[in-house]
Amino acid sequence: MLPLIDILFWISSLYILPFWLMMWFAPNHERTEALMRSEWVYLAPLAVVYAIAVLPNIVDIFILLGSEMPTPNIVVGMFEEREVILVGWLHFLAFDLFVGRWTWQRLVATGKPLYVSTPVLILSMMVAPLGALIGMLVTRELNDDKTETTPVGA
């Protein structure tokens, strides 16, 4: 029988797939909009599994990362434990999807065709910061239309 960590790893990995497929291949479809409208649908289940994995170890995490400046050796040491690998993977999945959704919204708002949006979103899934950067570049007209004179919180 598979350990719970492996089960959560694979279920969470499969859970995100329909959201990515919809954003890649049907970005303007009403079902894509309905699925991606609420963080409670696409993000909350991943966040709940993440919380279940993190909360039992939260004190240890704060002590380890708060007692000294994290170094590559500390991080590598943390990831020697299977539980930490699951936490890291869930972290990647949740935030890649969150950033991917933001990028998808920008691509849809600017009417980018599939041959532009799909590669950008695939990059967002695989290497989210690079996908977000390219997404910002190809949708920069969104920023050009807005004035930067409104103060924060106004």
N, C-alpha and C. Protein backbone atom coordinates (compact mmCIF):
# COMPACT_ATOMS: atom_id res chain seq x y z
N MET A 1 0.83 -1.18 0.00
CA MET A 1 0.00 0.00 0.00
C MET A 1 0.88 1.25 0.00
N LEU A 2 0.46 2.24 -0.77
CA LEU A 2 1.21 3.48 -0.86
C LEU A 2 1.09 4.29 0.43
N PRO A 3 2.17 4.92 0.85
CA PRO A 3 2.08 5.81 2.01
C PRO A 3 1.19 7.01 1.69
N LEU A 4 0.61 7.61 2.73
CA LEU A 4 -0.27 8.77 2.57
C LEU A 4 0.43 9.90 1.82
N ILE A 5 1.71 10.10 2.07
CA ILE A 5 2.45 11.16 1.38
C ILE A 5 2.42 10.95 -0.12
N ASP A 6 2.64 9.72 -0.57
CA ASP A 6 2.61 9.44 -2.01
C ASP A 6 1.22 9.65 -2.58
N ILE A 7 0.21 9.23 -1.86
CA ILE A 7 -1.17 9.40 -2.32
C ILE A 7 -1.49 10.89 -2.47
N LEU A 8 -1.16 11.69 -1.45
CA LEU A 8 -1.42 13.13 -1.51
C LEU A 8 -0.62 13.79 -2.63
N PHE A 9 0.59 13.33 -2.83
CA PHE A 9 1.43 13.86 -3.91
C PHE A 9 0.75 13.65 -5.26
N TRP A 10 0.32 12.44 -5.54
CA TRP A 10 -0.27 12.13 -6.86
C TRP A 10 -1.66 12.71 -7.02
N ILE A 11 -2.48 12.67 -5.99
CA ILE A 11 -3.82 13.26 -6.10
C ILE A 11 -3.72 14.76 -6.36
N SER A 12 -2.86 15.44 -5.62
CA SER A 12 -2.73 16.88 -5.83
C SER A 12 -2.15 17.19 -7.21
N SER A 13 -1.24 16.37 -7.69
CA SER A 13 -0.67 16.58 -9.02
C SER A 13 -1.73 16.40 -10.11
N LEU A 14 -2.60 15.43 -9.94
CA LEU A 14 -3.67 15.21 -10.91
C LEU A 14 -4.79 16.25 -10.77
N TYR A 15 -5.02 16.72 -9.56
CA TYR A 15 -6.09 17.70 -9.31
C TYR A 15 -5.90 18.96 -10.14
N ILE A 16 -4.67 19.42 -10.28
CA ILE A 16 -4.43 20.68 -10.98
C ILE A 16 -4.56 20.57 -12.50
N LEU A 17 -4.44 19.36 -13.02
CA LEU A 17 -4.39 19.17 -14.47
C LEU A 17 -5.60 19.74 -15.22
N PRO A 18 -6.85 19.49 -14.79
CA PRO A 18 -7.98 20.05 -15.55
C PRO A 18 -7.95 21.58 -15.63
N PHE A 19 -7.50 22.23 -14.56
CA PHE A 19 -7.44 23.70 -14.58
C PHE A 19 -6.44 24.19 -15.62
N TRP A 20 -5.27 23.56 -15.64
CA TRP A 20 -4.26 23.94 -16.63
C TRP A 20 -4.75 23.64 -18.05
N LEU A 21 -5.32 22.46 -18.26
CA LEU A 21 -5.80 22.11 -19.60
C LEU A 21 -6.84 23.10 -20.10
N MET A 22 -7.75 23.48 -19.22
CA MET A 22 -8.79 24.47 -19.61
C MET A 22 -8.15 25.81 -19.97
N MET A 23 -7.20 26.28 -19.14
CA MET A 23 -6.56 27.56 -19.44
C MET A 23 -5.73 27.49 -20.71
N TRP A 24 -5.09 26.33 -20.98
CA TRP A 24 -4.26 26.19 -22.18
C TRP A 24 -5.09 26.15 -23.45
N PHE A 25 -6.12 25.30 -23.45
CA PHE A 25 -6.80 24.97 -24.70
C PHE A 25 -8.20 25.56 -24.86
N ALA A 26 -8.78 26.06 -23.79
CA ALA A 26 -10.10 26.70 -23.87
C ALA A 26 -10.11 27.94 -22.99
N PRO A 27 -9.19 28.87 -23.22
CA PRO A 27 -9.05 30.00 -22.31
C PRO A 27 -10.27 30.91 -22.24
N ASN A 28 -11.05 30.96 -23.31
CA ASN A 28 -12.22 31.85 -23.34
C ASN A 28 -13.54 31.14 -23.10
N HIS A 29 -13.48 29.86 -22.81
CA HIS A 29 -14.70 29.09 -22.62
C HIS A 29 -15.37 29.45 -21.29
N GLU A 30 -16.69 29.41 -21.28
CA GLU A 30 -17.44 29.76 -20.06
C GLU A 30 -17.14 28.81 -18.90
N ARG A 31 -16.85 27.55 -19.20
CA ARG A 31 -16.50 26.61 -18.12
C ARG A 31 -15.14 26.93 -17.51
N THR A 32 -14.21 27.37 -18.35
CA THR A 32 -12.92 27.78 -17.83
C THR A 32 -13.11 28.97 -16.89
N GLU A 33 -13.88 29.94 -17.35
CA GLU A 33 -14.17 31.11 -16.51
C GLU A 33 -14.83 30.69 -15.20
N ALA A 34 -15.78 29.77 -15.28
CA ALA A 34 -16.49 29.33 -14.07
C ALA A 34 -15.54 28.62 -13.10
N LEU A 35 -14.67 27.76 -13.63
CA LEU A 35 -13.73 27.04 -12.76
C LEU A 35 -12.69 27.97 -12.14
N MET A 36 -12.24 28.94 -12.90
CA MET A 36 -11.15 29.79 -12.44
C MET A 36 -11.63 31.05 -11.73
N ARG A 37 -12.93 31.24 -11.65
CA ARG A 37 -13.50 32.44 -11.03
C ARG A 37 -13.18 32.53 -9.55
N SER A 38 -13.21 31.40 -8.88
CA SER A 38 -13.09 31.42 -7.44
C SER A 38 -11.88 30.63 -6.96
N GLU A 39 -11.11 31.24 -6.08
CA GLU A 39 -9.98 30.55 -5.47
C GLU A 39 -10.45 29.35 -4.65
N TRP A 40 -11.70 29.38 -4.22
CA TRP A 40 -12.24 28.26 -3.43
C TRP A 40 -12.33 26.98 -4.27
N VAL A 41 -12.40 27.13 -5.58
CA VAL A 41 -12.49 25.96 -6.45
C VAL A 41 -11.10 25.45 -6.82
N TYR A 42 -10.26 26.33 -7.35
CA TYR A 42 -8.98 25.84 -7.88
C TYR A 42 -7.85 25.83 -6.85
N LEU A 43 -7.91 26.69 -5.82
CA LEU A 43 -6.78 26.81 -4.91
C LEU A 43 -7.03 26.23 -3.52
N ALA A 44 -8.22 26.39 -2.99
CA ALA A 44 -8.49 25.99 -1.61
C ALA A 44 -8.21 24.50 -1.35
N PRO A 45 -8.59 23.57 -2.23
CA PRO A 45 -8.27 22.17 -1.94
C PRO A 45 -6.77 21.91 -1.77
N LEU A 46 -5.96 22.56 -2.60
CA LEU A 46 -4.51 22.42 -2.45
C LEU A 46 -4.03 23.04 -1.14
N ALA A 47 -4.61 24.18 -0.79
CA ALA A 47 -4.23 24.86 0.44
C ALA A 47 -4.62 24.04 1.67
N VAL A 48 -5.74 23.35 1.61
CA VAL A 48 -6.16 22.50 2.73
C VAL A 48 -5.18 21.35 2.91
N VAL A 49 -4.82 20.68 1.83
CA VAL A 49 -3.85 19.58 1.91
C VAL A 49 -2.51 20.11 2.42
N TYR A 50 -2.12 21.28 1.94
CA TYR A 50 -0.89 21.91 2.40
C TYR A 50 -0.95 22.16 3.91
N ALA A 51 -2.06 22.70 4.37
CA ALA A 51 -2.22 22.97 5.80
C ALA A 51 -2.14 21.68 6.62
N ILE A 52 -2.76 20.62 6.12
CA ILE A 52 -2.71 19.33 6.82
C ILE A 52 -1.27 18.83 6.92
N ALA A 53 -0.49 19.06 5.88
CA ALA A 53 0.90 18.62 5.88
C ALA A 53 1.80 19.52 6.72
N VAL A 54 1.52 20.82 6.75
CA VAL A 54 2.40 21.77 7.42
C VAL A 54 2.10 21.92 8.91
N LEU A 55 0.83 22.01 9.27
CA LEU A 55 0.49 22.37 10.65
C LEU A 55 1.10 21.47 11.72
N PRO A 56 1.17 20.16 11.53
CA PRO A 56 1.80 19.35 12.58
C PRO A 56 3.29 19.68 12.79
N ASN A 57 3.90 20.31 11.81
CA ASN A 57 5.33 20.60 11.87
C ASN A 57 5.63 22.10 11.92
N ILE A 58 4.61 22.93 12.13
CA ILE A 58 4.79 24.38 12.01
C ILE A 58 5.79 24.93 13.02
N VAL A 59 5.78 24.41 14.23
CA VAL A 59 6.73 24.90 15.24
C VAL A 59 8.16 24.57 14.82
N ASP A 60 8.38 23.34 14.36
CA ASP A 60 9.72 22.95 13.91
C ASP A 60 10.18 23.80 12.73
N ILE A 61 9.26 24.11 11.83
CA ILE A 61 9.60 24.92 10.67
C ILE A 61 10.02 26.31 11.11
N PHE A 62 9.25 26.92 12.02
CA PHE A 62 9.59 28.26 12.50
C PHE A 62 10.91 28.27 13.28
N ILE A 63 11.12 27.25 14.07
CA ILE A 63 12.38 27.18 14.82
C ILE A 63 13.57 27.02 13.87
N LEU A 64 13.45 26.12 12.92
CA LEU A 64 14.54 25.88 11.98
C LEU A 64 14.84 27.11 11.14
N LEU A 65 13.80 27.68 10.55
CA LEU A 65 14.02 28.81 9.64
C LEU A 65 14.16 30.15 10.37
N GLY A 66 13.72 30.19 11.63
CA GLY A 66 13.82 31.43 12.39
C GLY A 66 15.04 31.53 13.28
N SER A 67 15.73 30.42 13.48
CA SER A 67 16.87 30.43 14.39
C SER A 67 18.15 30.90 13.71
N GLU A 68 18.22 30.76 12.42
CA GLU A 68 19.38 31.24 11.69
C GLU A 68 18.98 31.48 10.24
N MET A 69 19.82 32.23 9.56
CA MET A 69 19.55 32.52 8.16
C MET A 69 19.59 31.21 7.37
N PRO A 70 18.53 30.91 6.61
CA PRO A 70 18.55 29.68 5.81
C PRO A 70 19.73 29.69 4.84
N THR A 71 20.34 28.55 4.72
CA THR A 71 21.45 28.36 3.78
C THR A 71 21.07 27.23 2.84
N PRO A 72 21.79 27.10 1.73
CA PRO A 72 21.50 25.96 0.85
C PRO A 72 21.58 24.62 1.60
N ASN A 73 22.53 24.47 2.50
CA ASN A 73 22.65 23.21 3.25
C ASN A 73 21.45 22.95 4.14
N ILE A 74 20.92 23.99 4.77
CA ILE A 74 19.72 23.82 5.61
C ILE A 74 18.54 23.39 4.75
N VAL A 75 18.36 24.05 3.61
CA VAL A 75 17.24 23.72 2.73
C VAL A 75 17.37 22.31 2.20
N VAL A 76 18.56 21.94 1.75
CA VAL A 76 18.78 20.57 1.26
C VAL A 76 18.50 19.57 2.38
N GLY A 77 18.94 19.88 3.58
CA GLY A 77 18.68 18.99 4.72
C GLY A 77 17.20 18.84 5.00
N MET A 78 16.45 19.93 4.87
CA MET A 78 15.00 19.85 5.07
C MET A 78 14.36 18.91 4.06
N PHE A 79 14.81 18.98 2.82
CA PHE A 79 14.17 18.20 1.76
C PHE A 79 14.65 16.75 1.71
N GLU A 80 15.37 16.33 2.72
CA GLU A 80 15.71 14.92 2.83
C GLU A 80 14.55 14.13 3.43
N GLU A 81 13.56 14.82 3.99
CA GLU A 81 12.40 14.17 4.59
C GLU A 81 11.24 14.18 3.59
N ARG A 82 10.58 13.05 3.46
CA ARG A 82 9.48 12.91 2.49
C ARG A 82 8.34 13.88 2.78
N GLU A 83 8.06 14.14 4.05
CA GLU A 83 6.99 15.07 4.40
C GLU A 83 7.28 16.47 3.87
N VAL A 84 8.55 16.87 3.94
CA VAL A 84 8.94 18.20 3.47
C VAL A 84 8.87 18.25 1.94
N ILE A 85 9.20 17.15 1.30
CA ILE A 85 9.07 17.11 -0.16
C ILE A 85 7.61 17.33 -0.56
N LEU A 86 6.68 16.69 0.15
CA LEU A 86 5.25 16.90 -0.13
C LEU A 86 4.87 18.36 0.09
N VAL A 87 5.31 18.94 1.19
CA VAL A 87 4.99 20.35 1.48
C VAL A 87 5.54 21.24 0.37
N GLY A 88 6.78 21.01 -0.03
CA GLY A 88 7.37 21.80 -1.11
C GLY A 88 6.62 21.64 -2.42
N TRP A 89 6.23 20.40 -2.73
CA TRP A 89 5.50 20.14 -3.97
C TRP A 89 4.14 20.84 -3.95
N LEU A 90 3.43 20.74 -2.84
CA LEU A 90 2.14 21.41 -2.73
C LEU A 90 2.30 22.93 -2.85
N HIS A 91 3.37 23.44 -2.28
CA HIS A 91 3.68 24.86 -2.38
C HIS A 91 3.84 25.25 -3.85
N PHE A 92 4.64 24.46 -4.59
CA PHE A 92 4.83 24.72 -6.02
C PHE A 92 3.51 24.66 -6.77
N LEU A 93 2.75 23.59 -6.55
CA LEU A 93 1.49 23.42 -7.28
C LEU A 93 0.53 24.58 -7.04
N ALA A 94 0.35 24.94 -5.78
CA ALA A 94 -0.61 25.99 -5.43
C ALA A 94 -0.19 27.34 -6.00
N PHE A 95 1.04 27.71 -5.81
CA PHE A 95 1.45 29.04 -6.26
C PHE A 95 1.69 29.10 -7.76
N ASP A 96 2.10 28.01 -8.38
CA ASP A 96 2.18 28.00 -9.84
C ASP A 96 0.78 28.18 -10.44
N LEU A 97 -0.20 27.50 -9.86
CA LEU A 97 -1.57 27.64 -10.36
C LEU A 97 -2.12 29.04 -10.08
N PHE A 98 -1.82 29.59 -8.93
CA PHE A 98 -2.27 30.94 -8.59
C PHE A 98 -1.67 31.96 -9.57
N VAL A 99 -0.38 31.87 -9.80
CA VAL A 99 0.29 32.78 -10.75
C VAL A 99 -0.18 32.50 -12.17
N GLY A 100 -0.38 31.22 -12.50
CA GLY A 100 -0.88 30.87 -13.82
C GLY A 100 -2.26 31.45 -14.08
N ARG A 101 -3.11 31.41 -13.06
CA ARG A 101 -4.45 32.00 -13.21
C ARG A 101 -4.35 33.50 -13.46
N TRP A 102 -3.48 34.17 -12.74
CA TRP A 102 -3.28 35.61 -12.92
C TRP A 102 -2.80 35.90 -14.34
N THR A 103 -1.85 35.09 -14.81
CA THR A 103 -1.33 35.26 -16.17
C THR A 103 -2.43 34.97 -17.19
N TRP A 104 -3.20 33.91 -16.96
CA TRP A 104 -4.31 33.57 -17.86
C TRP A 104 -5.31 34.73 -17.95
N GLN A 105 -5.64 35.33 -16.81
CA GLN A 105 -6.57 36.46 -16.81
C GLN A 105 -6.04 37.60 -17.69
N ARG A 106 -4.75 37.88 -17.60
CA ARG A 106 -4.15 38.94 -18.41
C ARG A 106 -4.19 38.58 -19.90
N LEU A 107 -3.91 37.30 -20.21
CA LEU A 107 -3.93 36.86 -21.60
C LEU A 107 -5.34 36.95 -22.19
N VAL A 108 -6.32 36.56 -21.42
CA VAL A 108 -7.72 36.65 -21.88
C VAL A 108 -8.13 38.11 -22.03
N ALA A 109 -7.78 38.94 -21.06
CA ALA A 109 -8.16 40.35 -21.10
C ALA A 109 -7.59 41.07 -22.31
N THR A 110 -6.44 40.62 -22.78
CA THR A 110 -5.82 41.26 -23.95
C THR A 110 -6.10 40.51 -25.24
N GLY A 111 -6.90 39.44 -25.16
CA GLY A 111 -7.32 38.72 -26.36
C GLY A 111 -6.20 37.98 -27.08
N LYS A 112 -5.23 37.50 -26.34
CA LYS A 112 -4.13 36.78 -26.99
C LYS A 112 -4.62 35.45 -27.57
N PRO A 113 -4.17 35.11 -28.77
CA PRO A 113 -4.57 33.84 -29.40
C PRO A 113 -3.89 32.65 -28.72
N LEU A 114 -4.41 31.45 -28.99
CA LEU A 114 -3.87 30.23 -28.39
C LEU A 114 -2.38 30.05 -28.65
N TYR A 115 -1.92 30.39 -29.84
CA TYR A 115 -0.51 30.17 -30.13
C TYR A 115 0.40 31.06 -29.29
N VAL A 116 -0.15 32.08 -28.65
CA VAL A 116 0.60 32.90 -27.70
C VAL A 116 0.31 32.44 -26.28
N SER A 117 -0.97 32.30 -25.95
CA SER A 117 -1.34 32.03 -24.55
C SER A 117 -0.92 30.64 -24.08
N THR A 118 -1.08 29.63 -24.92
CA THR A 118 -0.76 28.27 -24.48
C THR A 118 0.71 28.09 -24.10
N PRO A 119 1.67 28.51 -24.93
CA PRO A 119 3.07 28.36 -24.50
C PRO A 119 3.40 29.16 -23.23
N VAL A 120 2.82 30.34 -23.10
CA VAL A 120 3.07 31.15 -21.90
C VAL A 120 2.53 30.43 -20.67
N LEU A 121 1.35 29.84 -20.79
CA LEU A 121 0.76 29.14 -19.64
C LEU A 121 1.46 27.82 -19.35
N ILE A 122 1.97 27.16 -20.37
CA ILE A 122 2.77 25.95 -20.11
C ILE A 122 4.03 26.32 -19.34
N LEU A 123 4.66 27.41 -19.74
CA LEU A 123 5.81 27.90 -18.98
C LEU A 123 5.40 28.25 -17.55
N SER A 124 4.21 28.84 -17.39
CA SER A 124 3.73 29.19 -16.05
C SER A 124 3.57 27.96 -15.19
N MET A 125 3.16 26.86 -15.78
CA MET A 125 3.00 25.63 -15.01
C MET A 125 4.36 25.05 -14.63
N MET A 126 5.28 25.07 -15.56
CA MET A 126 6.57 24.42 -15.34
C MET A 126 7.56 25.30 -14.58
N VAL A 127 7.61 26.56 -14.92
CA VAL A 127 8.55 27.52 -14.31
C VAL A 127 7.81 28.85 -14.15
N ALA A 128 6.97 28.91 -13.12
CA ALA A 128 6.01 30.01 -12.96
C ALA A 128 6.61 31.41 -13.05
N PRO A 129 7.73 31.70 -12.41
CA PRO A 129 8.24 33.07 -12.54
C PRO A 129 8.58 33.46 -13.98
N LEU A 130 9.13 32.53 -14.75
CA LEU A 130 9.44 32.82 -16.15
C LEU A 130 8.15 32.98 -16.96
N GLY A 131 7.17 32.10 -16.72
CA GLY A 131 5.89 32.24 -17.41
C GLY A 131 5.20 33.55 -17.08
N ALA A 132 5.26 33.95 -15.81
CA ALA A 132 4.65 35.22 -15.41
C ALA A 132 5.36 36.39 -16.07
N LEU A 133 6.69 36.35 -16.12
CA LEU A 133 7.45 37.42 -16.75
C LEU A 133 7.10 37.54 -18.23
N ILE A 134 7.09 36.43 -18.94
CA ILE A 134 6.73 36.46 -20.36
C ILE A 134 5.28 36.89 -20.53
N GLY A 135 4.41 36.40 -19.62
CA GLY A 135 3.02 36.83 -19.66
C GLY A 135 2.88 38.34 -19.48
N MET A 136 3.67 38.91 -18.58
CA MET A 136 3.63 40.37 -18.37
C MET A 136 4.12 41.09 -19.63
N LEU A 137 5.14 40.52 -20.26
CA LEU A 137 5.66 41.17 -21.48
C LEU A 137 4.64 41.15 -22.61
N VAL A 138 3.99 40.01 -22.82
CA VAL A 138 3.05 39.93 -23.95
C VAL A 138 1.72 40.60 -23.65
N THR A 139 1.47 40.95 -22.40
CA THR A 139 0.22 41.63 -22.05
C THR A 139 0.49 43.02 -21.49
N ARG A 140 1.63 43.59 -21.82
CA ARG A 140 2.01 44.88 -21.24
C ARG A 140 1.05 45.99 -21.61
N GLU A 141 0.25 45.81 -22.66
CA GLU A 141 -0.73 46.85 -23.01
C GLU A 141 -1.76 47.05 -21.91
N LEU A 142 -1.95 46.05 -21.04
CA LEU A 142 -2.84 46.24 -19.89
C LEU A 142 -2.33 47.36 -19.01
N ASN A 143 -1.04 47.41 -18.78
CA ASN A 143 -0.44 48.45 -17.95
C ASN A 143 -0.40 49.78 -18.67
N ASP A 144 -0.26 49.76 -19.99
CA ASP A 144 -0.20 50.99 -20.75
C ASP A 144 -1.52 51.76 -20.69
N ASP A 145 -2.63 51.03 -20.51
CA ASP A 145 -3.95 51.66 -20.48
C ASP A 145 -4.29 52.26 -19.11
N LYS A 146 -3.52 51.93 -18.09
CA LYS A 146 -3.84 52.38 -16.74
C LYS A 146 -2.89 53.50 -16.34
N THR A 147 -3.43 54.45 -15.61
CA THR A 147 -2.55 55.49 -15.08
C THR A 147 -2.07 55.05 -13.71
N GLU A 148 -0.89 55.46 -13.37
CA GLU A 148 -0.26 55.08 -12.10
C GLU A 148 -0.42 56.20 -11.07
N THR A 149 -1.43 57.05 -11.22
CA THR A 149 -1.55 58.19 -10.32
C THR A 149 -2.44 57.93 -9.13
N THR A 150 -3.17 56.82 -9.12
CA THR A 150 -4.06 56.51 -8.01
C THR A 150 -3.24 56.01 -6.84
N PRO A 151 -3.34 56.66 -5.67
CA PRO A 151 -2.57 56.18 -4.52
C PRO A 151 -3.06 54.84 -4.02
N VAL A 152 -2.16 54.08 -3.44
CA VAL A 152 -2.52 52.78 -2.87
C VAL A 152 -3.53 52.99 -1.76
N GLY A 153 -4.57 52.18 -1.75
CA GLY A 153 -5.61 52.25 -0.72
C GLY A 153 -6.69 53.27 -1.01
N ALA A 154 -6.59 53.98 -2.13
CA ALA A 154 -7.62 54.97 -2.45
C ALA A 154 -8.80 54.33 -3.12
